[in-house]
Amino acid sequence: EHIVLWNVVLFSILLGIGMVEAMLCLSQVISGLCDIY
């Protein structure tokens, strides 16, 4: 019961978390490369 709503909400949360994490980690990569250079 309500399997569609369950999947949509949780997969959407994971999608949003992944996008924010990717931006934060990528910013650390760029910052670190600038420090090295």
PDB file of all heavy atoms in Angstrom:
ATOM      1  N   GLU A   1       0.827  -1.193   0.000  1.00  0.00           N
ATOM      2  CA  GLU A   1       0.000   0.000   0.000  1.00  0.00           C
ATOM      3  C   GLU A   1       0.870   1.255   0.000  1.00  0.00           C
ATOM      4  O   GLU A   1       1.862   1.342   0.724  1.00  0.00           O
ATOM      5  CB  GLU A   1      -0.913  -0.012   1.234  1.00  0.00           C
ATOM      6  CG  GLU A   1      -1.984   1.057   1.216  1.00  0.00           C
ATOM      7  CD  GLU A   1      -2.915   0.954   2.419  1.00  0.00           C
ATOM      8  OE1 GLU A   1      -2.688   0.054   3.254  1.00  0.00           O
ATOM      9  OE2 GLU A   1      -3.835   1.782   2.508  1.00  0.00           O
ATOM     10  N   HIS A   2       0.488   2.209  -0.844  1.00  0.00           N
ATOM     11  CA  HIS A   2       1.195   3.496  -0.975  1.00  0.00           C
ATOM     12  C   HIS A   2       2.665   3.310  -1.369  1.00  0.00           C
ATOM     13  O   HIS A   2       3.512   4.155  -1.046  1.00  0.00           O
ATOM     14  CB  HIS A   2       1.113   4.291   0.328  1.00  0.00           C
ATOM     15  CG  HIS A   2      -0.273   4.515   0.829  1.00  0.00           C
ATOM     16  ND1 HIS A   2      -1.251   5.141   0.072  1.00  0.00           N
ATOM     17  CD2 HIS A   2      -0.866   4.183   2.024  1.00  0.00           C
ATOM     18  CE1 HIS A   2      -2.377   5.203   0.766  1.00  0.00           C
ATOM     19  NE2 HIS A   2      -2.174   4.623   1.955  1.00  0.00           N
ATOM     20  N   ILE A   3       2.969   2.240  -2.091  1.00  0.00           N
ATOM     21  CA  ILE A   3       4.354   1.983  -2.470  1.00  0.00           C
ATOM     22  C   ILE A   3       4.888   3.051  -3.420  1.00  0.00           C
ATOM     23  O   ILE A   3       6.066   3.423  -3.355  1.00  0.00           O
ATOM     24  CB  ILE A   3       4.481   0.573  -3.112  1.00  0.00           C
ATOM     25  CG1 ILE A   3       5.923   0.297  -3.511  1.00  0.00           C
ATOM     26  CG2 ILE A   3       3.542   0.434  -4.292  1.00  0.00           C
ATOM     27  CD1 ILE A   3       6.902   0.304  -2.386  1.00  0.00           C
ATOM     28  N   VAL A   4       4.025   3.574  -4.288  1.00  0.00           N
ATOM     29  CA  VAL A   4       4.489   4.584  -5.253  1.00  0.00           C
ATOM     30  C   VAL A   4       4.905   5.860  -4.525  1.00  0.00           C
ATOM     31  O   VAL A   4       5.983   6.409  -4.767  1.00  0.00           O
ATOM     32  CB  VAL A   4       3.395   4.872  -6.299  1.00  0.00           C
ATOM     33  CG1 VAL A   4       3.878   5.943  -7.276  1.00  0.00           C
ATOM     34  CG2 VAL A   4       3.016   3.602  -7.046  1.00  0.00           C
ATOM     35  N   LEU A   5       4.032   6.334  -3.629  1.00  0.00           N
ATOM     36  CA  LEU A   5       4.354   7.536  -2.874  1.00  0.00           C
ATOM     37  C   LEU A   5       5.599   7.330  -2.016  1.00  0.00           C
ATOM     38  O   LEU A   5       6.451   8.226  -1.914  1.00  0.00           O
ATOM     39  CB  LEU A   5       3.170   7.912  -1.980  1.00  0.00           C
ATOM     40  CG  LEU A   5       3.341   9.150  -1.101  1.00  0.00           C
ATOM     41  CD1 LEU A   5       3.579  10.394  -1.962  1.00  0.00           C
ATOM     42  CD2 LEU A   5       2.128   9.338  -0.196  1.00  0.00           C
ATOM     43  N   TRP A   6       5.731   6.151  -1.421  1.00  0.00           N
ATOM     44  CA  TRP A   6       6.883   5.834  -0.582  1.00  0.00           C
ATOM     45  C   TRP A   6       8.188   5.942  -1.382  1.00  0.00           C
ATOM     46  O   TRP A   6       9.149   6.570  -0.950  1.00  0.00           O
ATOM     47  CB  TRP A   6       6.710   4.425  -0.016  1.00  0.00           C
ATOM     48  CG  TRP A   6       7.715   4.020   1.015  1.00  0.00           C
ATOM     49  CD1 TRP A   6       8.920   3.415   0.789  1.00  0.00           C
ATOM     50  CD2 TRP A   6       7.620   4.185   2.426  1.00  0.00           C
ATOM     51  NE1 TRP A   6       9.576   3.175   1.964  1.00  0.00           N
ATOM     52  CE2 TRP A   6       8.799   3.651   2.994  1.00  0.00           C
ATOM     53  CE3 TRP A   6       6.653   4.730   3.271  1.00  0.00           C
ATOM     54  CZ2 TRP A   6       9.017   3.640   4.376  1.00  0.00           C
ATOM     55  CZ3 TRP A   6       6.878   4.726   4.641  1.00  0.00           C
ATOM     56  CH2 TRP A   6       8.050   4.186   5.172  1.00  0.00           C
ATOM     57  N   ASN A   7       8.184   5.342  -2.571  1.00  0.00           N
ATOM     58  CA  ASN A   7       9.385   5.365  -3.402  1.00  0.00           C
ATOM     59  C   ASN A   7       9.687   6.758  -3.933  1.00  0.00           C
ATOM     60  O   ASN A   7      10.853   7.189  -3.965  1.00  0.00           O
ATOM     61  CB  ASN A   7       9.235   4.381  -4.570  1.00  0.00           C
ATOM     62  CG  ASN A   7       9.679   2.988  -4.203  1.00  0.00           C
ATOM     63  OD1 ASN A   7       9.609   2.591  -3.035  1.00  0.00           O
ATOM     64  ND2 ASN A   7      10.113   2.215  -5.184  1.00  0.00           N
ATOM     65  N   VAL A   8       8.650   7.471  -4.357  1.00  0.00           N
ATOM     66  CA  VAL A   8       8.859   8.802  -4.920  1.00  0.00           C
ATOM     67  C   VAL A   8       9.472   9.739  -3.883  1.00  0.00           C
ATOM     68  O   VAL A   8      10.437  10.469  -4.170  1.00  0.00           O
ATOM     69  CB  VAL A   8       7.536   9.375  -5.465  1.00  0.00           C
ATOM     70  CG1 VAL A   8       7.677  10.861  -5.777  1.00  0.00           C
ATOM     71  CG2 VAL A   8       7.105   8.627  -6.715  1.00  0.00           C
ATOM     72  N   VAL A   9       8.942   9.719  -2.678  1.00  0.00           N
ATOM     73  CA  VAL A   9       9.445  10.620  -1.632  1.00  0.00           C
ATOM     74  C   VAL A   9      10.894  10.284  -1.266  1.00  0.00           C
ATOM     75  O   VAL A   9      11.763  11.169  -1.221  1.00  0.00           O
ATOM     76  CB  VAL A   9       8.537  10.549  -0.384  1.00  0.00           C
ATOM     77  CG1 VAL A   9       9.184  11.295   0.783  1.00  0.00           C
ATOM     78  CG2 VAL A   9       7.165  11.135  -0.680  1.00  0.00           C
ATOM     79  N   LEU A  10      11.178   9.012  -1.023  1.00  0.00           N
ATOM     80  CA  LEU A  10      12.513   8.634  -0.563  1.00  0.00           C
ATOM     81  C   LEU A  10      13.565   8.774  -1.671  1.00  0.00           C
ATOM     82  O   LEU A  10      14.685   9.239  -1.413  1.00  0.00           O
ATOM     83  CB  LEU A  10      12.493   7.206  -0.030  1.00  0.00           C
ATOM     84  CG  LEU A  10      11.716   7.026   1.288  1.00  0.00           C
ATOM     85  CD1 LEU A  10      11.690   5.566   1.702  1.00  0.00           C
ATOM     86  CD2 LEU A  10      12.328   7.873   2.397  1.00  0.00           C
ATOM     87  N   PHE A  11      13.220   8.379  -2.890  1.00  0.00           N
ATOM     88  CA  PHE A  11      14.171   8.561  -3.986  1.00  0.00           C
ATOM     89  C   PHE A  11      14.413  10.039  -4.268  1.00  0.00           C
ATOM     90  O   PHE A  11      15.528  10.433  -4.636  1.00  0.00           O
ATOM     91  CB  PHE A  11      13.683   7.855  -5.248  1.00  0.00           C
ATOM     92  CG  PHE A  11      14.059   6.406  -5.333  1.00  0.00           C
ATOM     93  CD1 PHE A  11      13.086   5.414  -5.298  1.00  0.00           C
ATOM     94  CD2 PHE A  11      15.380   6.018  -5.449  1.00  0.00           C
ATOM     95  CE1 PHE A  11      13.438   4.071  -5.370  1.00  0.00           C
ATOM     96  CE2 PHE A  11      15.741   4.692  -5.520  1.00  0.00           C
ATOM     97  CZ  PHE A  11      14.765   3.713  -5.485  1.00  0.00           C
ATOM     98  N   SER A  12      13.373  10.869  -4.088  1.00  0.00           N
ATOM     99  CA  SER A  12      13.553  12.309  -4.283  1.00  0.00           C
ATOM    100  C   SER A  12      14.465  12.890  -3.206  1.00  0.00           C
ATOM    101  O   SER A  12      15.308  13.755  -3.490  1.00  0.00           O
ATOM    102  CB  SER A  12      12.195  13.022  -4.250  1.00  0.00           C
ATOM    103  OG  SER A  12      11.362  12.575  -5.304  1.00  0.00           O
ATOM    104  N   ILE A  13      14.301  12.423  -1.967  1.00  0.00           N
ATOM    105  CA  ILE A  13      15.176  12.883  -0.888  1.00  0.00           C
ATOM    106  C   ILE A  13      16.626  12.506  -1.185  1.00  0.00           C
ATOM    107  O   ILE A  13      17.546  13.323  -1.032  1.00  0.00           O
ATOM    108  CB  ILE A  13      14.720  12.294   0.462  1.00  0.00           C
ATOM    109  CG1 ILE A  13      13.378  12.906   0.879  1.00  0.00           C
ATOM    110  CG2 ILE A  13      15.771  12.523   1.544  1.00  0.00           C
ATOM    111  CD1 ILE A  13      12.793  12.292   2.133  1.00  0.00           C
ATOM    112  N   LEU A  14      16.839  11.273  -1.609  1.00  0.00           N
ATOM    113  CA  LEU A  14      18.201  10.838  -1.923  1.00  0.00           C
ATOM    114  C   LEU A  14      18.772  11.601  -3.110  1.00  0.00           C
ATOM    115  O   LEU A  14      19.980  11.899  -3.143  1.00  0.00           O
ATOM    116  CB  LEU A  14      18.210   9.333  -2.205  1.00  0.00           C
ATOM    117  CG  LEU A  14      18.038   8.436  -0.977  1.00  0.00           C
ATOM    118  CD1 LEU A  14      17.782   6.992  -1.387  1.00  0.00           C
ATOM    119  CD2 LEU A  14      19.263   8.524  -0.079  1.00  0.00           C
ATOM    120  N   LEU A  15      17.920  11.927  -4.071  1.00  0.00           N
ATOM    121  CA  LEU A  15      18.377  12.713  -5.221  1.00  0.00           C
ATOM    122  C   LEU A  15      18.837  14.099  -4.770  1.00  0.00           C
ATOM    123  O   LEU A  15      19.908  14.579  -5.186  1.00  0.00           O
ATOM    124  CB  LEU A  15      17.248  12.830  -6.243  1.00  0.00           C
ATOM    125  CG  LEU A  15      17.521  13.703  -7.477  1.00  0.00           C
ATOM    126  CD1 LEU A  15      18.678  13.138  -8.289  1.00  0.00           C
ATOM    127  CD2 LEU A  15      16.261  13.813  -8.339  1.00  0.00           C
ATOM    128  N   GLY A  16      18.046  14.737  -3.920  1.00  0.00           N
ATOM    129  CA  GLY A  16      18.430  16.057  -3.422  1.00  0.00           C
ATOM    130  C   GLY A  16      19.691  16.017  -2.572  1.00  0.00           C
ATOM    131  O   GLY A  16      20.569  16.876  -2.698  1.00  0.00           O
ATOM    132  N   ILE A  17      19.794  15.002  -1.700  1.00  0.00           N
ATOM    133  CA  ILE A  17      20.988  14.873  -0.862  1.00  0.00           C
ATOM    134  C   ILE A  17      22.228  14.677  -1.724  1.00  0.00           C
ATOM    135  O   ILE A  17      23.277  15.287  -1.492  1.00  0.00           O
ATOM    136  CB  ILE A  17      20.818  13.698   0.124  1.00  0.00           C
ATOM    137  CG1 ILE A  17      19.783  14.048   1.192  1.00  0.00           C
ATOM    138  CG2 ILE A  17      22.154  13.339   0.774  1.00  0.00           C
ATOM    139  CD1 ILE A  17      19.470  12.905   2.137  1.00  0.00           C
ATOM    140  N   GLY A  18      22.119  13.819  -2.731  1.00  0.00           N
ATOM    141  CA  GLY A  18      23.255  13.565  -3.607  1.00  0.00           C
ATOM    142  C   GLY A  18      23.706  14.811  -4.347  1.00  0.00           C
ATOM    143  O   GLY A  18      24.912  15.054  -4.498  1.00  0.00           O
ATOM    144  N   MET A  19      22.767  15.623  -4.792  1.00  0.00           N
ATOM    145  CA  MET A  19      23.122  16.846  -5.520  1.00  0.00           C
ATOM    146  C   MET A  19      23.846  17.840  -4.612  1.00  0.00           C
ATOM    147  O   MET A  19      24.855  18.442  -5.012  1.00  0.00           O
ATOM    148  CB  MET A  19      21.861  17.473  -6.116  1.00  0.00           C
ATOM    149  CG  MET A  19      21.211  16.643  -7.217  1.00  0.00           C
ATOM    150  SD  MET A  19      19.670  17.362  -7.829  1.00  0.00           S
ATOM    151  CE  MET A  19      20.283  18.865  -8.579  1.00  0.00           C
ATOM    152  N   VAL A  20      23.349  18.011  -3.387  1.00  0.00           N
ATOM    153  CA  VAL A  20      24.000  18.940  -2.456  1.00  0.00           C
ATOM    154  C   VAL A  20      25.393  18.438  -2.087  1.00  0.00           C
ATOM    155  O   VAL A  20      26.367  19.203  -2.052  1.00  0.00           O
ATOM    156  CB  VAL A  20      23.133  19.136  -1.201  1.00  0.00           C
ATOM    157  CG1 VAL A  20      23.854  20.010  -0.181  1.00  0.00           C
ATOM    158  CG2 VAL A  20      21.790  19.765  -1.562  1.00  0.00           C
ATOM    159  N   GLU A  21      25.501  17.133  -1.805  1.00  0.00           N
ATOM    160  CA  GLU A  21      26.807  16.567  -1.478  1.00  0.00           C
ATOM    161  C   GLU A  21      27.791  16.714  -2.622  1.00  0.00           C
ATOM    162  O   GLU A  21      28.977  17.010  -2.394  1.00  0.00           O
ATOM    163  CB  GLU A  21      26.656  15.096  -1.108  1.00  0.00           C
ATOM    164  CG  GLU A  21      26.002  14.844   0.241  1.00  0.00           C
ATOM    165  CD  GLU A  21      25.877  13.380   0.557  1.00  0.00           C
ATOM    166  OE1 GLU A  21      25.966  12.553  -0.397  1.00  0.00           O
ATOM    167  OE2 GLU A  21      25.665  13.025   1.719  1.00  0.00           O
ATOM    168  N   ALA A  22      27.327  16.497  -3.826  1.00  0.00           N
ATOM    169  CA  ALA A  22      28.212  16.616  -4.988  1.00  0.00           C
ATOM    170  C   ALA A  22      28.749  18.039  -5.117  1.00  0.00           C
ATOM    171  O   ALA A  22      29.941  18.242  -5.396  1.00  0.00           O
ATOM    172  CB  ALA A  22      27.473  16.212  -6.260  1.00  0.00           C
ATOM    173  N   MET A  23      27.904  19.041  -4.902  1.00  0.00           N
ATOM    174  CA  MET A  23      28.353  20.429  -5.004  1.00  0.00           C
ATOM    175  C   MET A  23      29.352  20.767  -3.896  1.00  0.00           C
ATOM    176  O   MET A  23      30.357  21.441  -4.140  1.00  0.00           O
ATOM    177  CB  MET A  23      27.149  21.372  -4.952  1.00  0.00           C
ATOM    178  CG  MET A  23      26.273  21.322  -6.193  1.00  0.00           C
ATOM    179  SD  MET A  23      24.967  22.579  -6.200  1.00  0.00           S
ATOM    180  CE  MET A  23      23.938  21.994  -4.855  1.00  0.00           C
ATOM    181  N   LEU A  24      29.076  20.302  -2.677  1.00  0.00           N
ATOM    182  CA  LEU A  24      29.983  20.590  -1.565  1.00  0.00           C
ATOM    183  C   LEU A  24      31.341  19.926  -1.762  1.00  0.00           C
ATOM    184  O   LEU A  24      32.394  20.554  -1.565  1.00  0.00           O
ATOM    185  CB  LEU A  24      29.357  20.133  -0.247  1.00  0.00           C
ATOM    186  CG  LEU A  24      28.147  20.933   0.249  1.00  0.00           C
ATOM    187  CD1 LEU A  24      27.553  20.284   1.489  1.00  0.00           C
ATOM    188  CD2 LEU A  24      28.536  22.370   0.540  1.00  0.00           C
ATOM    189  N   CYS A  25      31.312  18.644  -2.141  1.00  0.00           N
ATOM    190  CA  CYS A  25      32.583  17.936  -2.343  1.00  0.00           C
ATOM    191  C   CYS A  25      33.353  18.506  -3.521  1.00  0.00           C
ATOM    192  O   CYS A  25      34.582  18.622  -3.475  1.00  0.00           O
ATOM    193  CB  CYS A  25      32.322  16.441  -2.545  1.00  0.00           C
ATOM    194  SG  CYS A  25      31.747  15.576  -1.060  1.00  0.00           S
ATOM    195  N   LEU A  26      32.632  18.874  -4.588  1.00  0.00           N
ATOM    196  CA  LEU A  26      33.300  19.453  -5.747  1.00  0.00           C
ATOM    197  C   LEU A  26      33.936  20.794  -5.396  1.00  0.00           C
ATOM    198  O   LEU A  26      35.029  21.124  -5.882  1.00  0.00           O
ATOM    199  CB  LEU A  26      32.309  19.615  -6.895  1.00  0.00           C
ATOM    200  CG  LEU A  26      32.891  20.079  -8.239  1.00  0.00           C
ATOM    201  CD1 LEU A  26      33.940  19.088  -8.735  1.00  0.00           C
ATOM    202  CD2 LEU A  26      31.784  20.234  -9.269  1.00  0.00           C
ATOM    203  N   SER A  27      33.276  21.567  -4.554  1.00  0.00           N
ATOM    204  CA  SER A  27      33.866  22.845  -4.128  1.00  0.00           C
ATOM    205  C   SER A  27      35.148  22.616  -3.333  1.00  0.00           C
ATOM    206  O   SER A  27      36.106  23.386  -3.449  1.00  0.00           O
ATOM    207  CB  SER A  27      32.859  23.634  -3.287  1.00  0.00           C
ATOM    208  OG  SER A  27      32.618  23.004  -2.036  1.00  0.00           O
ATOM    209  N   GLN A  28      35.187  21.532  -2.540  1.00  0.00           N
ATOM    210  CA  GLN A  28      36.401  21.204  -1.806  1.00  0.00           C
ATOM    211  C   GLN A  28      37.517  20.758  -2.749  1.00  0.00           C
ATOM    212  O   GLN A  28      38.696  21.038  -2.511  1.00  0.00           O
ATOM    213  CB  GLN A  28      36.110  20.110  -0.782  1.00  0.00           C
ATOM    214  CG  GLN A  28      35.216  20.548   0.362  1.00  0.00           C
ATOM    215  CD  GLN A  28      35.818  21.667   1.174  1.00  0.00           C
ATOM    216  OE1 GLN A  28      36.957  21.591   1.621  1.00  0.00           O
ATOM    217  NE2 GLN A  28      35.053  22.736   1.370  1.00  0.00           N
ATOM    218  N   VAL A  29      37.145  20.053  -3.821  1.00  0.00           N
ATOM    219  CA  VAL A  29      38.143  19.643  -4.811  1.00  0.00           C
ATOM    220  C   VAL A  29      38.768  20.871  -5.471  1.00  0.00           C
ATOM    221  O   VAL A  29      39.998  20.984  -5.594  1.00  0.00           O
ATOM    222  CB  VAL A  29      37.509  18.723  -5.870  1.00  0.00           C
ATOM    223  CG1 VAL A  29      38.498  18.444  -7.003  1.00  0.00           C
ATOM    224  CG2 VAL A  29      37.061  17.407  -5.237  1.00  0.00           C
ATOM    225  N   ILE A  30      37.924  21.801  -5.907  1.00  0.00           N
ATOM    226  CA  ILE A  30      38.419  23.013  -6.569  1.00  0.00           C
ATOM    227  C   ILE A  30      39.276  23.835  -5.621  1.00  0.00           C
ATOM    228  O   ILE A  30      40.354  24.328  -5.982  1.00  0.00           O
ATOM    229  CB  ILE A  30      37.235  23.836  -7.107  1.00  0.00           C
ATOM    230  CG1 ILE A  30      36.474  23.041  -8.175  1.00  0.00           C
ATOM    231  CG2 ILE A  30      37.715  25.172  -7.668  1.00  0.00           C
ATOM    232  CD1 ILE A  30      35.217  23.721  -8.652  1.00  0.00           C
ATOM    233  N   SER A  31      38.813  23.986  -4.374  1.00  0.00           N
ATOM    234  CA  SER A  31      39.583  24.747  -3.393  1.00  0.00           C
ATOM    235  C   SER A  31      40.937  24.096  -3.122  1.00  0.00           C
ATOM    236  O   SER A  31      41.964  24.783  -3.040  1.00  0.00           O
ATOM    237  CB  SER A  31      38.783  24.856  -2.091  1.00  0.00           C
ATOM    238  OG  SER A  31      39.542  25.467  -1.068  1.00  0.00           O
ATOM    239  N   GLY A  32      40.941  22.773  -2.999  1.00  0.00           N
ATOM    240  CA  GLY A  32      42.195  22.074  -2.739  1.00  0.00           C
ATOM    241  C   GLY A  32      43.163  22.171  -3.896  1.00  0.00           C
ATOM    242  O   GLY A  32      44.374  22.345  -3.694  1.00  0.00           O
ATOM    243  N   LEU A  33      42.658  22.075  -5.124  1.00  0.00           N
ATOM    244  CA  LEU A  33      43.530  22.198  -6.292  1.00  0.00           C
ATOM    245  C   LEU A  33      44.119  23.606  -6.394  1.00  0.00           C
ATOM    246  O   LEU A  33      45.278  23.771  -6.794  1.00  0.00           O
ATOM    247  CB  LEU A  33      42.748  21.849  -7.562  1.00  0.00           C
ATOM    248  CG  LEU A  33      42.352  20.377  -7.723  1.00  0.00           C
ATOM    249  CD1 LEU A  33      41.518  20.184  -8.986  1.00  0.00           C
ATOM    250  CD2 LEU A  33      43.575  19.469  -7.746  1.00  0.00           C
ATOM    251  N   CYS A  34      43.328  24.607  -6.037  1.00  0.00           N
ATOM    252  CA  CYS A  34      43.857  25.976  -6.038  1.00  0.00           C
ATOM    253  C   CYS A  34      44.953  26.123  -4.996  1.00  0.00           C
ATOM    254  O   CYS A  34      45.968  26.797  -5.232  1.00  0.00           O
ATOM    255  CB  CYS A  34      42.731  26.971  -5.772  1.00  0.00           C
ATOM    256  SG  CYS A  34      41.548  27.142  -7.126  1.00  0.00           S
ATOM    257  N   ASP A  35      44.767  25.502  -3.824  1.00  0.00           N
ATOM    258  CA  ASP A  35      45.801  25.562  -2.788  1.00  0.00           C
ATOM    259  C   ASP A  35      47.090  24.899  -3.263  1.00  0.00           C
ATOM    260  O   ASP A  35      48.190  25.387  -3.000  1.00  0.00           O
ATOM    261  CB  ASP A  35      45.305  24.877  -1.509  1.00  0.00           C
ATOM    262  CG  ASP A  35      44.233  25.691  -0.802  1.00  0.00           C
ATOM    263  OD1 ASP A  35      44.152  26.898  -1.077  1.00  0.00           O
ATOM    264  OD2 ASP A  35      43.481  25.117   0.008  1.00  0.00           O
ATOM    265  N   ILE A  36      46.940  23.769  -3.954  1.00  0.00           N
ATOM    266  CA  ILE A  36      48.131  23.057  -4.436  1.00  0.00           C
ATOM    267  C   ILE A  36      48.833  23.854  -5.523  1.00  0.00           C
ATOM    268  O   ILE A  36      50.060  23.984  -5.534  1.00  0.00           O
ATOM    269  CB  ILE A  36      47.736  21.661  -4.955  1.00  0.00           C
ATOM    270  CG1 ILE A  36      47.235  20.779  -3.804  1.00  0.00           C
ATOM    271  CG2 ILE A  36      48.908  20.979  -5.653  1.00  0.00           C
ATOM    272  CD1 ILE A  36      46.697  19.441  -4.257  1.00  0.00           C
ATOM    273  N   TYR A  37      48.070  24.444  -6.436  1.00  0.00           N
ATOM    274  CA  TYR A  37      48.652  25.168  -7.557  1.00  0.00           C
ATOM    275  C   TYR A  37      49.304  26.461  -7.108  1.00  0.00           C
ATOM    276  O   TYR A  37      50.425  26.796  -7.519  1.00  0.00           O
ATOM    277  CB  TYR A  37      47.580  25.463  -8.600  1.00  0.00           C
ATOM    278  CG  TYR A  37      48.085  26.229  -9.792  1.00  0.00           C
ATOM    279  CD1 TYR A  37      48.943  25.616 -10.720  1.00  0.00           C
ATOM    280  CD2 TYR A  37      47.722  27.555  -9.991  1.00  0.00           C
ATOM    281  CE1 TYR A  37      49.412  26.318 -11.805  1.00  0.00           C
ATOM    282  CE2 TYR A  37      48.187  28.258 -11.079  1.00  0.00           C
ATOM    283  CZ  TYR A  37      49.030  27.634 -11.993  1.00  0.00           C
ATOM    284  OH  TYR A  37      49.490  28.336 -13.062  1.00  0.00           O
TER     285      TYR A  37
END
